[in-house]
Protein backbone atom coordinates (compact mmCIF):
# COMPACT_ATOMS: atom_id res chain seq x y z
CA UNK A 1 -0.15 0.12 -0.04
CA UNK A 2 2.92 2.33 0.78
CA UNK A 3 4.40 1.74 -2.57
CA UNK A 4 1.07 2.65 -4.28
CA UNK A 5 0.93 5.89 -2.45
CA UNK A 6 4.67 6.80 -3.14
CA UNK A 7 3.91 5.93 -6.69
CA UNK A 8 0.98 8.31 -6.81
CA UNK A 9 2.89 11.00 -4.97
CA UNK A 10 5.92 10.67 -7.46
CA UNK A 11 3.57 11.01 -10.53
CA UNK A 12 1.83 14.04 -8.94
CA UNK A 13 5.33 15.62 -8.26
CA UNK A 14 6.27 14.88 -12.01
CA UNK A 15 3.28 16.65 -12.97
CA UNK A 16 3.97 19.76 -10.94
CA UNK A 17 7.59 19.95 -12.28
CA UNK A 18 6.54 19.46 -15.80
CA UNK A 19 4.06 22.41 -15.43
CA UNK A 20 6.73 24.52 -13.93
CA UNK A 21 9.37 23.71 -16.62
CA UNK A 22 6.67 24.40 -19.44
CA UNK A 23 6.79 27.90 -18.06
CA UNK A 24 3.18 28.13 -16.91
CA UNK A 25 2.43 30.95 -14.59
CA UNK A 26 2.32 29.77 -11.24
CA UNK A 27 -1.03 29.95 -9.63
CA UNK A 28 -1.30 31.44 -6.00
CA UNK A 29 -1.60 27.95 -4.42
CA UNK A 30 1.30 26.46 -6.40
CA UNK A 31 3.53 29.50 -5.40
CA UNK A 32 2.59 29.17 -1.68
CA UNK A 33 3.30 25.30 -1.90
CA UNK A 34 6.59 26.09 -3.69
CA UNK A 35 7.48 28.93 -1.19
CA UNK A 36 7.01 26.66 1.76
CA UNK A 37 8.57 23.61 0.28
CA UNK A 38 5.14 21.64 0.40
CA UNK A 39 5.13 18.93 -2.28
CA UNK A 40 1.45 18.26 -3.16
CA UNK A 41 1.95 14.45 -3.94
CA UNK A 42 3.58 13.86 -0.56
CA UNK A 43 0.81 15.99 1.18
CA UNK A 44 -1.82 13.91 -0.73
CA UNK A 45 0.18 10.76 0.26
CA UNK A 46 0.33 11.71 4.03
CA UNK A 47 -3.57 12.54 4.14
CA UNK A 48 -4.32 9.12 2.80
CA UNK A 49 -1.92 7.59 5.29
CA UNK A 50 -3.41 9.53 8.12
CA UNK A 51 -6.79 8.51 6.94
CA UNK A 52 -5.86 4.78 6.68
CA UNK A 53 -4.15 4.82 10.17
CA UNK A 54 -7.07 6.76 11.65
CA UNK A 55 -9.52 4.32 10.07
CA UNK A 56 -7.41 1.44 11.50
CA UNK A 57 -7.19 2.95 15.03
CA UNK A 58 -10.98 3.76 15.02
CA UNK A 59 -11.83 0.16 14.01
CA UNK A 60 -9.32 -1.69 16.17
CA UNK A 61 -8.47 0.60 18.98
CA UNK A 62 -10.96 3.36 19.83
CA UNK A 63 -14.06 1.30 18.93
CA UNK A 64 -13.24 -1.55 21.39
CA UNK A 65 -11.92 1.13 24.05
CA UNK A 66 -15.23 2.98 23.57
CA UNK A 67 -17.17 -0.32 23.91
CA UNK A 68 -15.41 -1.20 27.00
CA UNK A 69 -15.88 2.32 28.53
CA UNK A 70 -19.56 2.11 27.59
CA UNK A 71 -19.81 -1.32 29.21
CA UNK A 72 -17.82 -0.17 32.24
CA UNK A 73 -20.09 3.02 32.49
CA UNK A 74 -23.36 0.70 32.15
CA UNK A 75 -21.77 -1.57 35.11
CA UNK A 76 -21.28 1.45 37.23
CA UNK A 77 -24.58 2.83 36.57
CA UNK A 78 -26.32 -0.64 37.25
CA UNK A 79 -24.15 -0.89 40.37
CA UNK A 80 -25.16 2.52 41.57
CA UNK A 81 -28.65 1.66 40.74
CA UNK A 82 -28.50 -1.46 42.72
CA UNK A 83 -26.83 0.10 45.60
CA UNK A 84 -29.61 2.74 45.61
CA UNK A 85 -32.30 -0.15 45.40
CA UNK A 86 -30.53 -1.89 48.31
CA UNK A 87 -30.45 1.37 50.36
CA UNK A 88 -34.05 1.83 49.70
CA UNK A 89 -34.85 -1.76 50.70
CA UNK A 90 -32.61 -1.38 53.80
CA UNK A 91 -34.61 1.69 54.65
CA UNK A 92 -37.92 -0.02 54.00
CA UNK A 93 -36.71 -3.08 56.04
CA UNK A 94 -35.55 -0.66 58.89
CA UNK A 95 -39.13 0.97 58.88
CA UNK A 96 -40.73 -2.36 58.76
CA UNK A 97 -38.55 -3.77 61.68
CA UNK A 98 -39.35 -0.57 63.62
CA UNK A 99 -42.90 -1.13 63.17
CA UNK A 100 -42.65 -4.75 64.13
CA UNK A 101 -40.76 -3.60 67.23
CA UNK A 102 -43.18 -0.93 68.23
CA UNK A 103 -46.06 -3.54 67.66
CA UNK A 104 -44.17 -5.96 69.83
CA UNK A 105 -43.69 -3.42 72.49
CA UNK A 106 -47.59 -2.61 72.46
CA UNK A 107 -48.37 -6.39 72.56
CA UNK A 108 -45.93 -6.71 75.54
CA UNK A 109 -47.47 -3.75 77.25
CA UNK A 110 -50.98 -5.33 76.65
CA UNK A 111 -49.97 -8.73 77.91
CA UNK A 112 -48.34 -7.17 81.05
CA UNK A 113 -51.66 -5.30 81.64
CA UNK A 114 -53.68 -8.44 80.90
CA UNK A 115 -51.40 -10.45 83.47
CA UNK A 116 -51.59 -7.83 86.12
CA UNK A 117 -55.49 -7.78 85.70
CA UNK A 118 -55.35 -11.65 86.01
CA UNK A 119 -53.31 -11.47 88.91
CA UNK A 120 -55.35 -9.03 90.63
CA UNK A 121 -58.49 -10.94 89.64
CA UNK A 122 -56.96 -14.03 90.97
CA UNK A 123 -55.91 -12.19 94.28
CA UNK A 124 -59.16 -10.84 94.75
CA UNK A 125 -60.85 -14.38 94.03
CA UNK A 126 -58.46 -16.05 96.39
CA UNK A 127 -59.04 -13.21 99.15
CA UNK A 128 -62.60 -13.85 98.80
CA UNK A 129 -62.40 -17.72 98.99
CA UNK A 130 -59.98 -17.25 101.98
CA UNK A 131 -62.62 -14.94 103.54
CA UNK A 132 -65.34 -17.29 102.88
CA UNK A 133 -63.24 -20.22 104.28
CA UNK A 134 -62.47 -18.36 107.31
CA UNK A 135 -66.08 -17.30 107.92
CA UNK A 136 -66.96 -20.94 107.50
CA UNK A 137 -64.35 -22.08 109.87
CA UNK A 138 -65.63 -19.45 112.48
CA UNK A 139 -69.13 -20.52 112.06
CA UNK A 140 -68.09 -24.22 112.30
CA UNK A 141 -66.06 -23.42 115.39
CA UNK A 142 -68.78 -21.41 116.78
CA UNK A 143 -71.33 -24.39 116.22
CA UNK A 144 -68.83 -26.74 117.67
CA UNK A 145 -68.26 -24.50 120.67
CA UNK A 146 -72.20 -24.24 121.10
CA UNK A 147 -72.55 -27.93 120.82
CA UNK A 148 -69.77 -28.53 123.07
CA UNK A 149 -71.23 -25.95 125.66
CA UNK A 150 -74.64 -27.58 125.24
CA UNK A 151 -73.14 -31.13 125.78
CA UNK A 152 -71.16 -29.76 128.77
CA UNK A 153 -74.29 -28.29 130.29
CA UNK A 154 -76.19 -31.46 129.80
CA UNK A 155 -73.47 -33.38 131.31
CA UNK A 156 -73.17 -31.02 134.07
CA UNK A 157 -76.95 -31.14 134.73
CA UNK A 158 -76.79 -34.98 134.70
CA UNK A 159 -73.92 -34.94 136.98
CA UNK A 160 -75.83 -32.24 139.30
CA UNK A 161 -78.93 -34.39 139.37
CA UNK A 162 -76.74 -37.56 140.24
CA UNK A 163 -75.21 -35.77 142.84
CA UNK A 164 -78.60 -34.21 144.17
CA UNK A 165 -79.98 -37.68 144.21
CA UNK A 166 -76.95 -39.23 145.98
CA UNK A 167 -77.19 -36.17 148.47
CA UNK A 168 -80.82 -36.69 149.03
CA UNK A 169 -80.40 -40.43 149.41
CA UNK A 170 -77.86 -39.65 152.23
CA UNK A 171 -79.89 -37.04 153.67
CA UNK A 172 -82.93 -39.27 153.60
CA UNK A 173 -80.85 -42.13 154.76
CA UNK A 174 -82.66 -44.61 152.71
CA UNK A 175 -82.12 -46.35 149.62
CA UNK A 176 -83.92 -45.31 146.74
CA UNK A 177 -84.98 -47.90 143.88
CA UNK A 178 -84.05 -47.37 140.36
CA UNK A 179 -87.56 -45.97 139.50
CA UNK A 180 -87.38 -43.46 142.42
CA UNK A 181 -83.97 -42.64 141.49
CA UNK A 182 -84.92 -42.05 137.79
CA UNK A 183 -87.86 -39.89 138.88
CA UNK A 184 -86.02 -37.80 141.12
CA UNK A 185 -83.30 -37.35 138.35
CA UNK A 186 -85.79 -36.32 135.70
CA UNK A 187 -87.45 -33.94 138.34
CA UNK A 188 -83.87 -32.40 138.89
CA UNK A 189 -83.04 -32.05 135.38
CA UNK A 190 -86.18 -30.26 134.56
CA UNK A 191 -85.78 -27.84 137.35
CA UNK A 192 -82.22 -27.25 136.23
CA UNK A 193 -83.27 -26.64 132.69
CA UNK A 194 -85.64 -24.02 133.80
CA UNK A 195 -82.89 -22.40 135.72
């Protein structure tokens, strides 16, 4: 490819020299190129070489690098989006956990209040039951005491009646029969009950 470009450049240079040799009047551009020492065929060859190199670099260097940069930018953007999504999910999860904790605290307070109320009710019930049992025991004790008192009075009357009969027997100095003794006992008991 270089040899073809050099060939075109040499041909163009030859054409320029031939025109100058023929005595043609140098135009403004030709004069400038001659004054600055610019060779048109070499300039054209350089432009073509630059275009080829630029095309090759664009095709095989810049394009893959740009594709890599674009892919990297997309990865970074997706990573940032993922981070934002995760941050939003984290915030939502934190709010949800705060709500769950608050609900759990409210439930705990409710359960504690319920337990206190149950304990108070149980204590009241136990106090009432104890009071009823104590009253029953007092009533039973009073009944037992009253029965014991009646029994003791009956025993005392019976003993007094026996003592009266024995004393009367001694005073009268005679022996009483069982029937007489029973009659005196009954009479003494009746009199003692009236007292």
